[in-house]
Amino acid sequence: MSSNAGCLGSEKAAWRVLPRWGASRYPKIFHRHSAADEDQVSSTVSPGVSNPTNDLPVEILQRIFTCCAEPRSPDSNPFPEVYPEWIAITYVSRHWRAVALNHRSLWGLITPNLSPDWLRALIVRSEPAPVDAELRVGQETVKRICLCIDEVIGALAGCTRLRSLRLVGPRRDVSAVLDVLRTPTPIRSLTLSLWEPGPPVRLPEGLFGGEAPLRYIHFTANRCIVAPSQLLRGVTHFTSGEQIPLLLLLNALRQMPALTHFTLQYCRAQWQETDAPCDLVIEMPHLTNLVVRADSPRFFVLLNEHLSLPKGAKRWLELHALAVAGWGRWGRWFATLPPIIEAANGLKHAYLSGGAKEGTFRVWTGDMDQVCEDAEFCFDMYWYGSPTNPPDPYLTGLASPIFHLPVLCDILGASRVRNLELQGLSELPNSLRWELLQKLQAVEQLEIHSGAANALYSAWDDVDAPTVLPALHRVRLVRTETATTAPSIAAKTTVEPQPHGTAVRGSFISRIMPSRSPRPEPPAHMVPITYRTAKGPSSDSEPLAIRAETALGLIKLLHGGVGQCWASSS
């Protein structure tokens, strides 16, 4: 066995040992744990007990310890203990303790749950490694995760090793901390999230010595945060969650000549076309990613009009809408999207999931194998908590955006979409499903989840549906796992018609000669087919929605029938 294989085997052994020897063995100790008494704890492993992890190379242990110190999941307990959660590793053995104490970068991650004692201890023990600090500050302790500003100032004022800093809290308290951070430091990332409403916040000219090499900035505020120009020159990634006027934002972007990624999210400021001169166009020679998340397309359109991006730059509009009466109020903004789409050679991909209450509709440009993240243009609409009743044609009431998607497909030019993925489609009138498909006449490849396949079969009973998707020649069926199965496990089954008498296994349906036929009858028997899950191949008999006969029957519903088919070499 190679040395690398041996290291990997030892690393796995260490992971098996960690839960058994970790914090769960000493719950009482950890509940009263502090930075002062941590140094007084001796080894917890009895003499003579075999400990194979003592033979692990220091580098492997350090990698494991670094993984233990990674930021917690957003779904985790929001009220962690006031000490580092990974401190249990220092109780496993003397060897682990020595490695942890000498792994300086392990101590450089400061999380918002730490007590003042631990905050100071981590800054001291991490030296000379860089420090990444996330702190919630305030005059009063709120839910035991806010530090007094005097404690934060005392810990950070003289620190010259800050690599990233995130401050969350009332604007007056965050500003008080920033006012004393005048020491030069190689900080690369700054995140500020201000709670209280109020006037714009101006950062001090001498912040971080005035010449910090910032590359990443994320500002969130009720108004806006104004940074000195010298701090913006080298910024490459800027995310604004501010309620910032258009002209102020354009002035800030003008001071970021190196910017490559800009994200505007959830801005609700009242932007108007007259807020900036019509001829104001800011050259952004390196801006390759423009992302706008908003409740109106106006924010994307106005930014696109005033920013000059290089050829091939990626533009992403993520629109959030609860309910709409139609697209009339956004007609002026939607009218500017087709030229952008045509410049990227038109929409080629579409994805629809969910139903009336909650769902996602996404279309993007690119080749047949292009993922949306890499497309030159992507339009993404998301709705949640929307009305489930169809719109009344005699009233102008609001309805879920899904009921207006056929019209939106016409506006965006989705008739050229070639790849389509369908998932869900619950709580919809049967006629709407077919109306949506009729807007996508160029679809060649369909990926459909079992729930959507069942919905289309049910719709056939109530709707005298015409033939749709005339260009369809490939179908992939995706099994939707039950609630008891891990969500990451999804079985994709691709089916291919074979000559008569041959088992149906294969991959994509390669070619279909259209011919009309009535709705196919459900097959009388189960056909075992091969599919793949996270646990490996299986040949179990599958439900109706993912059987090979169902795939062919679905094509008859959508395409009009199967005349002549043959195998694909792919």
Protein backbone atom coordinates (compact mmCIF):
# COMPACT_ATOMS: atom_id res chain seq x y z
CA MET A 1 0.00 0.00 0.00
CA SER A 2 1.26 3.46 -0.86
CA SER A 3 2.03 6.04 1.79
CA ASN A 4 -0.91 8.15 0.67
CA ALA A 5 -3.28 5.23 1.11
CA GLY A 6 -1.88 4.63 4.57
CA CYS A 7 -2.46 8.24 5.54
CA LEU A 8 -6.04 8.11 4.28
CA GLY A 9 -6.69 4.95 6.26
CA SER A 10 -5.29 6.53 9.39
CA GLU A 11 -7.34 9.64 8.83
CA LYS A 12 -10.53 7.58 8.64
CA ALA A 13 -9.51 5.78 11.83
CA ALA A 14 -9.10 9.12 13.56
CA TRP A 15 -12.58 10.19 12.52
CA ARG A 16 -13.99 6.99 14.02
CA VAL A 17 -12.15 7.63 17.28
CA LEU A 18 -13.12 11.29 17.61
CA PRO A 19 -16.85 10.88 18.40
CA ARG A 20 -16.09 8.12 20.93
CA TRP A 21 -13.41 10.12 22.76
CA GLY A 22 -14.84 13.60 22.19
CA ALA A 23 -17.18 15.95 24.01
CA SER A 24 -19.92 13.38 24.54
CA ARG A 25 -17.66 11.56 27.03
CA TYR A 26 -17.20 14.66 29.17
CA PRO A 27 -20.48 16.63 29.11
CA LYS A 28 -20.11 18.01 32.63
CA ILE A 29 -16.61 19.25 31.95
CA PHE A 30 -17.70 21.12 28.84
CA HIS A 31 -20.64 22.81 30.49
CA ARG A 32 -18.30 24.61 32.87
CA HIS A 33 -15.43 24.96 30.43
CA SER A 34 -13.49 28.23 30.16
CA ALA A 35 -10.26 29.52 28.66
CA ALA A 36 -8.67 29.66 32.12
CA ASP A 37 -9.27 26.05 33.19
CA GLU A 38 -8.68 24.58 29.72
CA ASP A 39 -4.91 24.77 30.27
CA GLN A 40 -5.23 22.78 33.52
CA VAL A 41 -6.91 19.72 32.00
CA SER A 42 -4.66 16.68 31.68
CA SER A 43 -4.91 13.78 29.28
CA THR A 44 -8.17 11.84 29.44
CA VAL A 45 -6.81 8.63 27.98
CA SER A 46 -5.81 6.04 30.55
CA PRO A 47 -2.22 4.76 30.51
CA GLY A 48 -1.83 1.53 28.63
CA VAL A 49 -4.85 2.08 26.40
CA SER A 50 -3.88 1.52 22.78
CA ASN A 51 -4.31 4.69 20.75
CA PRO A 52 -3.53 4.16 17.06
CA THR A 53 -4.20 7.81 16.31
CA ASN A 54 -0.97 8.72 18.10
CA ASP A 55 0.82 7.37 15.02
CA LEU A 56 -0.94 9.77 12.67
CA PRO A 57 1.32 12.35 11.01
CA VAL A 58 0.89 15.81 12.46
CA GLU A 59 -0.23 17.15 9.07
CA ILE A 60 -3.15 14.68 8.92
CA LEU A 61 -4.28 15.56 12.43
CA GLN A 62 -4.09 19.25 11.63
CA ARG A 63 -6.31 18.75 8.62
CA ILE A 64 -8.84 16.87 10.73
CA PHE A 65 -8.77 19.56 13.40
CA THR A 66 -9.28 22.26 10.78
CA CYS A 67 -12.40 20.44 9.56
CA CYS A 68 -13.70 20.33 13.13
CA ALA A 69 -13.36 24.11 13.34
CA GLU A 70 -15.29 24.86 10.14
CA PRO A 71 -18.31 27.20 10.53
CA ARG A 72 -21.45 25.50 11.77
CA SER A 73 -24.41 24.73 9.54
CA PRO A 74 -27.24 27.30 9.52
CA ASP A 75 -29.57 24.49 10.63
CA SER A 76 -27.52 23.82 13.75
CA ASN A 77 -28.34 24.98 17.26
CA PRO A 78 -28.39 28.80 17.15
CA PHE A 79 -27.22 28.99 20.77
CA PRO A 80 -23.91 27.09 20.98
CA GLU A 81 -21.75 27.03 24.05
CA VAL A 82 -19.45 29.95 24.86
CA TYR A 83 -16.28 27.99 24.07
CA PRO A 84 -15.04 26.63 20.71
CA GLU A 85 -17.08 23.59 19.78
CA TRP A 86 -14.00 21.76 18.59
CA ILE A 87 -12.24 22.04 21.97
CA ALA A 88 -13.16 18.38 22.64
CA ILE A 89 -10.21 17.29 20.50
CA THR A 90 -7.79 18.59 23.14
CA TYR A 91 -9.17 16.00 25.58
CA VAL A 92 -8.54 12.91 23.47
CA SER A 93 -4.85 12.39 24.26
CA ARG A 94 -1.66 14.26 25.07
CA HIS A 95 -0.61 13.87 21.44
CA TRP A 96 -3.80 15.43 20.12
CA ARG A 97 -3.60 18.18 22.69
CA ALA A 98 -0.04 19.05 21.74
CA VAL A 99 -0.88 19.08 18.03
CA ALA A 100 -3.92 21.30 18.62
CA LEU A 101 -2.05 23.80 20.79
CA ASN A 102 0.66 24.15 18.16
CA HIS A 103 -1.74 24.38 15.23
CA ARG A 104 -1.97 28.17 15.29
CA SER A 105 -4.46 28.57 12.44
CA LEU A 106 -6.93 26.39 14.39
CA TRP A 107 -7.20 29.14 17.00
CA GLY A 108 -7.61 31.90 14.46
CA LEU A 109 -11.33 31.30 13.82
CA ILE A 110 -13.43 33.51 16.12
CA THR A 111 -17.14 32.71 16.09
CA PRO A 112 -19.94 34.89 17.52
CA ASN A 113 -20.80 32.57 20.40
CA LEU A 114 -17.49 32.96 22.26
CA SER A 115 -17.22 34.52 25.69
CA PRO A 116 -14.88 37.51 26.21
CA ASP A 117 -12.30 35.24 27.84
CA TRP A 118 -12.26 32.92 24.88
CA LEU A 119 -12.15 35.83 22.45
CA ARG A 120 -8.94 37.08 24.02
CA ALA A 121 -7.50 33.57 24.39
CA LEU A 122 -7.96 32.71 20.73
CA ILE A 123 -6.33 35.90 19.55
CA VAL A 124 -3.29 35.22 21.74
CA ARG A 125 -2.99 31.52 20.91
CA SER A 126 -3.38 32.01 17.16
CA GLU A 127 -0.31 34.24 16.86
CA PRO A 128 1.26 34.54 14.30
CA ALA A 129 -1.51 32.96 12.17
CA PRO A 130 -4.18 35.12 10.47
CA VAL A 131 -7.43 35.76 12.35
CA ASP A 132 -10.94 35.35 10.89
CA ALA A 133 -13.44 37.01 13.23
CA GLU A 134 -17.24 37.04 13.19
CA LEU A 135 -18.71 39.06 16.04
CA ARG A 136 -22.12 40.32 17.11
CA VAL A 137 -21.72 43.47 19.12
CA GLY A 138 -24.07 45.58 21.22
CA GLN A 139 -24.41 47.59 24.39
CA GLU A 140 -26.48 44.78 25.93
CA THR A 141 -26.27 41.02 25.70
CA VAL A 142 -28.98 39.69 23.39
CA LYS A 143 -29.64 35.92 23.36
CA ARG A 144 -26.16 35.51 24.88
CA ILE A 145 -24.38 36.05 21.58
CA CYS A 146 -23.68 39.79 21.71
CA LEU A 147 -20.42 41.11 23.07
CA CYS A 148 -20.02 44.47 24.73
CA ILE A 149 -18.29 46.88 22.36
CA ASP A 150 -15.58 47.58 24.95
CA GLU A 151 -14.67 43.88 25.01
CA VAL A 152 -14.50 43.73 21.22
CA ILE A 153 -12.45 46.91 21.02
CA GLY A 154 -10.03 45.63 23.65
CA ALA A 155 -9.49 42.38 21.73
CA LEU A 156 -9.26 43.76 18.17
CA ALA A 157 -7.76 47.23 18.55
CA GLY A 158 -4.15 46.07 18.46
CA CYS A 159 -4.58 42.99 16.28
CA THR A 160 -2.46 43.25 13.13
CA ARG A 161 -3.36 39.79 11.79
CA LEU A 162 -7.01 40.24 10.76
CA ARG A 163 -7.68 38.37 7.52
CA SER A 164 -11.47 38.68 7.56
CA LEU A 165 -13.91 40.55 9.78
CA ARG A 166 -17.68 40.33 10.06
CA LEU A 167 -19.49 42.69 12.42
CA VAL A 168 -23.22 42.41 13.07
CA GLY A 169 -25.18 44.75 15.32
CA PRO A 170 -26.72 48.20 15.76
CA ARG A 171 -25.11 50.85 13.55
CA ARG A 172 -23.87 52.94 16.46
CA ASP A 173 -22.09 49.97 18.06
CA VAL A 174 -20.56 48.67 14.84
CA SER A 175 -19.38 52.18 14.02
CA ALA A 176 -17.83 52.52 17.48
CA VAL A 177 -15.75 49.37 16.88
CA LEU A 178 -14.67 50.46 13.40
CA ASP A 179 -13.57 53.87 14.68
CA VAL A 180 -10.73 52.31 16.71
CA LEU A 181 -9.50 49.83 14.08
CA ARG A 182 -6.77 52.09 12.72
CA THR A 183 -3.89 49.61 12.88
CA PRO A 184 -2.63 48.44 9.45
CA THR A 185 -3.64 44.83 8.87
CA PRO A 186 -3.67 42.54 5.79
CA ILE A 187 -7.46 42.16 5.91
CA ARG A 188 -8.99 40.78 2.71
CA SER A 189 -12.68 40.43 3.56
CA LEU A 190 -15.05 42.84 5.34
CA THR A 191 -18.72 42.14 6.10
CA LEU A 192 -20.90 44.68 7.89
CA SER A 193 -24.55 44.07 8.79
CA LEU A 194 -26.30 46.97 10.53
CA TRP A 195 -29.60 46.47 12.35
CA GLU A 196 -31.01 49.90 12.99
CA PRO A 197 -32.51 52.33 10.47
CA GLY A 198 -30.85 55.67 10.09
CA PRO A 199 -28.72 57.86 7.81
CA PRO A 200 -25.87 56.50 5.66
CA VAL A 201 -22.88 55.21 7.62
CA ARG A 202 -19.48 56.54 6.57
CA LEU A 203 -16.46 54.43 7.36
CA PRO A 204 -13.42 56.29 8.79
CA GLU A 205 -10.70 57.30 6.34
CA GLY A 206 -8.03 55.68 8.48
CA LEU A 207 -9.81 52.33 8.80
CA PHE A 208 -7.21 49.50 8.90
CA GLY A 209 -4.47 52.05 8.37
CA GLY A 210 -6.09 53.42 5.23
CA GLU A 211 -4.41 50.98 2.83
CA ALA A 212 -5.91 47.57 3.59
CA PRO A 213 -5.78 45.05 0.68
CA LEU A 214 -9.53 44.37 0.73
CA ARG A 215 -10.81 41.98 -1.95
CA TYR A 216 -14.26 40.98 -0.63
CA ILE A 217 -16.90 43.38 0.71
CA HIS A 218 -20.45 42.58 1.83
CA PHE A 219 -22.58 45.45 3.15
CA THR A 220 -26.11 45.14 4.55
CA ALA A 221 -27.91 48.21 5.93
CA ASN A 222 -31.24 50.01 6.04
CA ARG A 223 -29.67 52.82 4.00
CA CYS A 224 -26.12 52.51 2.74
CA ILE A 225 -22.51 52.26 3.88
CA VAL A 226 -19.98 54.63 2.32
CA ALA A 227 -16.39 53.39 2.28
CA PRO A 228 -13.27 55.48 1.58
CA SER A 229 -12.09 55.20 -2.02
CA GLN A 230 -8.68 53.83 -0.99
CA LEU A 231 -10.37 50.78 0.52
CA LEU A 232 -12.32 50.05 -2.67
CA ARG A 233 -9.56 50.15 -5.29
CA GLY A 234 -8.61 46.48 -5.04
CA VAL A 235 -12.05 44.99 -4.34
CA THR A 236 -12.91 42.10 -6.67
CA HIS A 237 -16.14 40.80 -5.07
CA PHE A 238 -18.83 43.20 -3.85
CA THR A 239 -22.23 42.20 -2.44
CA SER A 240 -24.69 44.92 -1.53
CA GLY A 241 -27.74 44.19 0.61
CA GLU A 242 -28.23 47.90 1.22
CA GLN A 243 -31.27 50.04 0.49
CA ILE A 244 -29.02 52.28 -1.55
CA PRO A 245 -29.99 54.94 -4.11
CA LEU A 246 -28.97 54.15 -7.68
CA LEU A 247 -26.58 57.07 -8.10
CA LEU A 248 -24.73 56.32 -4.84
CA LEU A 249 -24.30 52.71 -5.91
CA LEU A 250 -22.97 53.71 -9.32
CA ASN A 251 -20.48 56.07 -7.67
CA ALA A 252 -19.29 53.23 -5.43
CA LEU A 253 -18.88 50.87 -8.40
CA ARG A 254 -16.90 53.53 -10.24
CA GLN A 255 -14.29 53.34 -7.47
CA MET A 256 -13.84 49.56 -7.95
CA PRO A 257 -11.90 49.18 -11.22
CA ALA A 258 -10.79 45.63 -10.30
CA LEU A 259 -14.33 44.37 -9.60
CA THR A 260 -15.11 40.94 -11.11
CA HIS A 261 -18.26 39.85 -9.21
CA PHE A 262 -21.10 42.14 -8.16
CA THR A 263 -24.30 41.02 -6.43
CA LEU A 264 -27.21 43.28 -5.57
CA GLN A 265 -29.65 41.50 -3.29
CA TYR A 266 -33.04 42.46 -1.97
CA CYS A 267 -32.74 46.18 -2.66
CA ARG A 268 -36.05 47.95 -2.13
CA ALA A 269 -34.97 51.51 -2.69
CA GLN A 270 -37.14 53.53 -5.05
CA TRP A 271 -35.05 53.52 -8.23
CA GLN A 272 -36.29 55.60 -11.15
CA GLU A 273 -34.96 56.07 -14.68
CA THR A 274 -34.31 59.73 -13.87
CA ASP A 275 -32.10 58.95 -10.86
CA ALA A 276 -28.97 58.89 -13.04
CA PRO A 277 -28.12 60.71 -16.30
CA CYS A 278 -29.09 58.69 -19.37
CA ASP A 279 -25.58 59.00 -20.80
CA LEU A 280 -23.87 57.84 -17.61
CA VAL A 281 -22.12 54.56 -18.48
CA ILE A 282 -19.43 53.20 -16.16
CA GLU A 283 -16.76 51.03 -17.71
CA MET A 284 -16.30 47.81 -15.75
CA PRO A 285 -13.58 46.03 -17.76
CA HIS A 286 -13.20 43.09 -15.36
CA LEU A 287 -16.82 42.60 -14.22
CA THR A 288 -17.66 39.08 -15.41
CA ASN A 289 -20.57 38.29 -13.06
CA LEU A 290 -23.57 40.55 -12.47
CA VAL A 291 -26.24 39.07 -10.16
CA VAL A 292 -29.41 40.90 -9.15
CA ARG A 293 -31.88 39.43 -6.65
CA ALA A 294 -34.93 41.64 -6.32
CA ASP A 295 -38.73 41.83 -6.39
CA SER A 296 -38.74 43.80 -9.64
CA PRO A 297 -36.69 43.54 -12.85
CA ARG A 298 -36.13 47.31 -12.82
CA PHE A 299 -33.01 46.95 -10.64
CA PHE A 300 -31.37 44.60 -13.13
CA VAL A 301 -32.36 46.69 -16.15
CA LEU A 302 -31.14 50.00 -14.75
CA LEU A 303 -27.82 48.52 -13.65
CA ASN A 304 -27.34 46.86 -17.01
CA GLU A 305 -28.01 50.16 -18.77
CA HIS A 306 -25.41 52.08 -16.75
CA LEU A 307 -22.67 49.44 -16.53
CA SER A 308 -20.51 48.46 -19.48
CA LEU A 309 -19.50 44.81 -19.06
CA PRO A 310 -16.97 42.91 -21.17
CA LYS A 311 -18.17 40.54 -23.88
CA GLY A 312 -19.23 37.19 -22.51
CA ALA A 313 -19.96 38.48 -18.99
CA LYS A 314 -22.57 36.50 -17.06
CA ARG A 315 -25.82 38.20 -16.09
CA TRP A 316 -28.27 36.64 -13.63
CA LEU A 317 -31.69 38.07 -12.73
CA GLU A 318 -33.37 36.35 -9.77
CA LEU A 319 -36.89 37.64 -9.37
CA HIS A 320 -38.98 37.05 -6.23
CA ALA A 321 -42.74 37.47 -6.60
CA LEU A 322 -45.52 36.48 -4.22
CA ALA A 323 -48.46 37.08 -6.55
CA VAL A 324 -49.09 38.99 -9.77
CA ALA A 325 -52.10 40.02 -11.84
CA GLY A 326 -50.01 39.89 -15.00
CA TRP A 327 -46.77 41.24 -16.38
CA GLY A 328 -48.15 44.60 -17.51
CA ARG A 329 -46.57 46.64 -14.71
CA TRP A 330 -43.17 45.19 -15.60
CA GLY A 331 -43.67 45.40 -19.36
CA ARG A 332 -41.17 48.23 -19.84
CA TRP A 333 -38.47 46.31 -18.00
CA PHE A 334 -39.17 42.94 -19.58
CA ALA A 335 -38.98 44.56 -23.03
CA THR A 336 -35.25 45.17 -22.52
CA LEU A 337 -34.46 41.50 -21.81
CA PRO A 338 -34.89 39.94 -25.30
CA PRO A 339 -31.92 41.88 -26.80
CA ILE A 340 -29.73 40.67 -23.93
CA ILE A 341 -30.94 37.11 -24.49
CA GLU A 342 -30.39 37.29 -28.25
CA ALA A 343 -26.85 38.57 -27.72
CA ALA A 344 -26.22 35.29 -25.85
CA ASN A 345 -27.76 33.23 -28.74
CA GLY A 346 -31.16 32.74 -27.16
CA LEU A 347 -32.62 30.63 -24.37
CA LYS A 348 -31.82 26.94 -24.62
CA HIS A 349 -32.68 25.55 -21.17
CA ALA A 350 -35.74 25.66 -18.90
CA TYR A 351 -36.48 24.29 -15.43
CA LEU A 352 -39.84 24.28 -13.67
CA SER A 353 -40.51 22.89 -10.21
CA GLY A 354 -43.16 23.19 -7.52
CA GLY A 355 -46.72 24.31 -7.87
CA ALA A 356 -48.96 27.29 -7.27
CA LYS A 357 -47.99 27.90 -3.65
CA GLU A 358 -44.25 27.56 -4.05
CA GLY A 359 -42.07 27.00 -7.06
CA THR A 360 -39.20 27.97 -9.32
CA PHE A 361 -39.07 28.82 -13.01
CA ARG A 362 -35.64 29.20 -14.57
CA VAL A 363 -34.46 29.72 -18.16
CA TRP A 364 -30.92 30.25 -19.38
CA THR A 365 -28.73 30.42 -22.46
CA GLY A 366 -25.85 28.24 -23.58
CA ASP A 367 -25.04 24.96 -25.31
CA MET A 368 -26.86 21.70 -24.64
CA ASP A 369 -24.62 20.83 -21.68
CA GLN A 370 -24.48 24.35 -20.21
CA VAL A 371 -25.32 24.66 -16.51
CA CYS A 372 -27.17 27.77 -15.40
CA GLU A 373 -24.27 29.01 -13.24
CA ASP A 374 -22.07 29.34 -16.34
CA ALA A 375 -24.65 30.82 -18.70
CA GLU A 376 -24.26 34.30 -20.15
CA PHE A 377 -27.83 35.06 -19.13
CA CYS A 378 -30.12 33.38 -16.61
CA PHE A 379 -33.61 34.41 -15.57
CA ASP A 380 -34.73 32.82 -12.31
CA MET A 381 -38.13 33.37 -10.71
CA TYR A 382 -39.07 32.08 -7.27
CA TRP A 383 -42.39 32.35 -5.44
CA TYR A 384 -43.46 31.21 -1.99
CA GLY A 385 -46.74 31.41 -0.08
CA SER A 386 -48.63 32.40 -3.21
CA PRO A 387 -52.40 32.00 -3.74
CA THR A 388 -53.29 28.57 -5.08
CA ASN A 389 -56.57 29.55 -6.75
CA PRO A 390 -56.40 30.19 -10.51
CA PRO A 391 -56.92 33.82 -11.58
CA ASP A 392 -60.47 34.87 -12.29
CA PRO A 393 -60.66 36.19 -15.89
CA TYR A 394 -63.36 38.66 -14.86
CA LEU A 395 -61.37 40.12 -11.98
CA THR A 396 -57.95 41.74 -11.72
CA GLY A 397 -57.01 39.90 -8.54
CA LEU A 398 -53.53 38.62 -7.84
CA ALA A 399 -52.57 35.01 -8.43
CA SER A 400 -49.52 32.80 -8.23
CA PRO A 401 -46.90 33.63 -10.90
CA ILE A 402 -47.13 30.05 -12.21
CA PHE A 403 -50.51 30.82 -13.75
CA HIS A 404 -48.90 33.53 -15.89
CA LEU A 405 -45.86 31.55 -17.03
CA PRO A 406 -47.16 30.84 -20.57
CA VAL A 407 -47.28 34.58 -21.26
CA LEU A 408 -43.84 35.03 -19.67
CA CYS A 409 -42.45 32.34 -21.99
CA ASP A 410 -43.62 34.42 -24.96
CA ILE A 411 -42.09 37.60 -23.53
CA LEU A 412 -38.69 36.00 -22.93
CA GLY A 413 -38.62 34.03 -26.19
CA ALA A 414 -38.64 30.58 -24.59
CA SER A 415 -39.92 28.94 -27.80
CA ARG A 416 -36.29 28.11 -28.64
CA VAL A 417 -35.64 26.13 -25.45
CA ARG A 418 -34.21 22.70 -26.27
CA ASN A 419 -33.64 21.22 -22.79
CA LEU A 420 -36.51 21.04 -20.29
CA GLU A 421 -36.65 19.69 -16.73
CA LEU A 422 -40.00 19.30 -14.97
CA GLN A 423 -40.46 18.60 -11.28
CA GLY A 424 -43.61 18.78 -9.16
CA LEU A 425 -46.41 20.57 -11.06
CA SER A 426 -48.87 20.00 -8.23
CA GLU A 427 -51.94 22.11 -7.48
CA LEU A 428 -52.28 23.17 -11.12
CA PRO A 429 -55.24 23.02 -13.49
CA ASN A 430 -54.70 20.24 -16.00
CA SER A 431 -55.06 22.63 -18.92
CA LEU A 432 -52.21 24.80 -17.63
CA ARG A 433 -49.70 21.94 -17.84
CA TRP A 434 -50.35 21.47 -21.53
CA GLU A 435 -50.46 25.20 -22.17
CA LEU A 436 -46.98 25.51 -20.72
CA LEU A 437 -45.63 22.67 -22.85
CA GLN A 438 -47.12 24.22 -25.99
CA LYS A 439 -44.92 27.26 -25.44
CA LEU A 440 -41.80 25.07 -25.64
CA GLN A 441 -42.14 23.56 -29.10
CA ALA A 442 -38.38 23.26 -29.69
CA VAL A 443 -37.67 20.96 -26.71
CA GLU A 444 -35.52 18.03 -27.79
CA GLN A 445 -34.49 16.63 -24.42
CA LEU A 446 -36.87 16.23 -21.49
CA GLU A 447 -35.89 15.34 -17.94
CA ILE A 448 -39.00 14.68 -15.89
CA HIS A 449 -39.40 13.69 -12.26
CA SER A 450 -41.85 10.97 -11.35
CA GLY A 451 -44.30 13.37 -9.67
CA ALA A 452 -44.54 15.50 -12.81
CA ALA A 453 -44.94 12.40 -14.98
CA ASN A 454 -47.87 11.26 -12.85
CA ALA A 455 -49.41 14.73 -13.08
CA LEU A 456 -49.26 14.66 -16.88
CA TYR A 457 -50.89 11.24 -17.00
CA SER A 458 -53.68 12.47 -14.74
CA ALA A 459 -54.15 15.57 -16.84
CA TRP A 460 -54.79 13.48 -19.96
CA ASP A 461 -58.05 12.19 -18.46
CA ASP A 462 -59.49 15.69 -18.14
CA VAL A 463 -57.98 17.52 -21.11
CA ASP A 464 -58.37 16.81 -24.80
CA ALA A 465 -54.69 17.63 -25.19
CA PRO A 466 -53.14 18.12 -28.61
CA THR A 467 -49.73 16.83 -29.52
CA VAL A 468 -46.96 18.92 -27.97
CA LEU A 469 -43.14 18.86 -28.03
CA PRO A 470 -42.90 17.77 -31.69
CA ALA A 471 -39.09 17.92 -31.63
CA LEU A 472 -38.73 15.65 -28.59
CA HIS A 473 -36.34 12.73 -29.04
CA ARG A 474 -34.76 12.15 -25.62
CA VAL A 475 -36.43 11.50 -22.27
CA ARG A 476 -34.86 10.95 -18.87
CA LEU A 477 -37.01 9.90 -15.94
CA VAL A 478 -35.94 10.82 -12.41
CA ARG A 479 -37.36 8.92 -9.47
CA THR A 480 -38.46 11.09 -6.56
CA GLU A 481 -37.40 9.41 -3.34
CA THR A 482 -39.77 9.01 -0.41
CA ALA A 483 -39.55 11.21 2.67
CA THR A 484 -37.65 8.50 4.53
CA THR A 485 -34.85 8.52 1.99
CA ALA A 486 -31.98 10.97 2.09
CA PRO A 487 -32.84 13.94 -0.16
CA SER A 488 -29.49 13.72 -1.90
CA ILE A 489 -30.35 10.24 -3.20
CA ALA A 490 -32.18 10.47 -6.51
CA ALA A 491 -32.30 7.75 -9.11
CA LYS A 492 -32.08 8.83 -12.72
CA THR A 493 -33.33 6.30 -15.24
CA THR A 494 -32.77 6.82 -18.93
CA VAL A 495 -34.71 4.51 -21.22
CA GLU A 496 -34.26 3.50 -24.83
CA PRO A 497 -36.62 1.55 -27.08
CA GLN A 498 -35.12 -1.68 -28.38
CA PRO A 499 -36.16 -4.03 -31.19
CA HIS A 500 -39.17 -6.23 -30.43
CA GLY A 501 -38.41 -8.91 -27.87
CA THR A 502 -35.32 -7.18 -26.45
CA ALA A 503 -35.09 -6.15 -22.79
CA VAL A 504 -35.52 -2.42 -22.31
CA ARG A 505 -32.41 -1.14 -20.52
CA GLY A 506 -30.22 1.31 -22.55
CA SER A 507 -29.90 5.08 -22.13
CA PHE A 508 -31.51 8.01 -23.96
CA ILE A 509 -34.26 7.54 -26.50
CA SER A 510 -32.30 8.53 -29.55
CA ARG A 511 -34.89 9.16 -32.24
CA ILE A 512 -38.65 9.16 -32.57
CA MET A 513 -40.61 9.40 -35.78
CA PRO A 514 -43.87 11.17 -34.88
CA SER A 515 -47.17 9.44 -35.47
CA ARG A 516 -50.41 10.07 -33.65
CA SER A 517 -51.82 7.41 -31.35
CA PRO A 518 -54.34 7.28 -28.50
CA ARG A 519 -53.32 7.47 -24.90
CA PRO A 520 -51.27 4.34 -24.06
CA GLU A 521 -52.79 1.83 -21.68
CA PRO A 522 -50.84 1.14 -18.46
CA PRO A 523 -48.60 -1.91 -18.88
CA ALA A 524 -49.94 -5.16 -17.51
CA HIS A 525 -46.69 -6.27 -15.87
CA MET A 526 -43.62 -4.87 -14.17
CA VAL A 527 -40.41 -4.73 -16.16
CA PRO A 528 -37.16 -4.78 -14.16
CA ILE A 529 -34.79 -2.07 -15.37
CA THR A 530 -31.39 -0.99 -14.19
CA TYR A 531 -31.09 2.32 -12.40
CA ARG A 532 -28.48 3.92 -10.19
CA THR A 533 -28.70 5.32 -6.70
CA ALA A 534 -26.14 6.50 -4.19
CA LYS A 535 -25.87 2.86 -2.98
CA GLY A 536 -25.01 1.55 -6.42
CA PRO A 537 -26.83 -0.24 -9.29
CA SER A 538 -30.12 -2.00 -8.70
CA SER A 539 -32.47 -4.08 -10.82
CA ASP A 540 -35.59 -3.98 -8.64
CA SER A 541 -38.96 -3.52 -10.28
CA GLU A 542 -39.90 0.15 -10.30
CA PRO A 543 -43.20 2.03 -9.89
CA LEU A 544 -45.22 2.99 -12.94
CA ALA A 545 -43.72 6.47 -13.25
CA ILE A 546 -40.19 5.21 -13.92
CA ARG A 547 -40.80 2.03 -15.87
CA ALA A 548 -39.62 1.81 -19.44
CA GLU A 549 -43.20 1.43 -20.67
CA THR A 550 -44.11 4.62 -18.85
CA ALA A 551 -41.32 6.46 -20.64
CA LEU A 552 -42.63 5.37 -24.01
CA GLY A 553 -46.19 6.09 -22.97
CA LEU A 554 -45.20 9.56 -21.83
CA ILE A 555 -43.67 10.24 -25.22
CA LYS A 556 -46.94 9.21 -26.85
CA LEU A 557 -48.76 11.72 -24.67
CA LEU A 558 -46.39 14.58 -25.37
CA HIS A 559 -45.06 13.79 -28.80
CA GLY A 560 -47.92 12.04 -30.52
CA GLY A 561 -46.64 8.49 -30.68
CA VAL A 562 -43.63 6.32 -31.40
CA GLY A 563 -43.11 5.20 -34.93
CA GLN A 564 -39.54 4.12 -35.55
CA CYS A 565 -36.76 4.17 -32.94
CA TRP A 566 -33.21 2.94 -32.79
CA ALA A 567 -30.42 2.83 -30.27
CA SER A 568 -28.02 5.63 -29.50
CA SER A 569 -24.30 5.00 -29.27
CA SER A 570 -23.93 7.61 -26.53
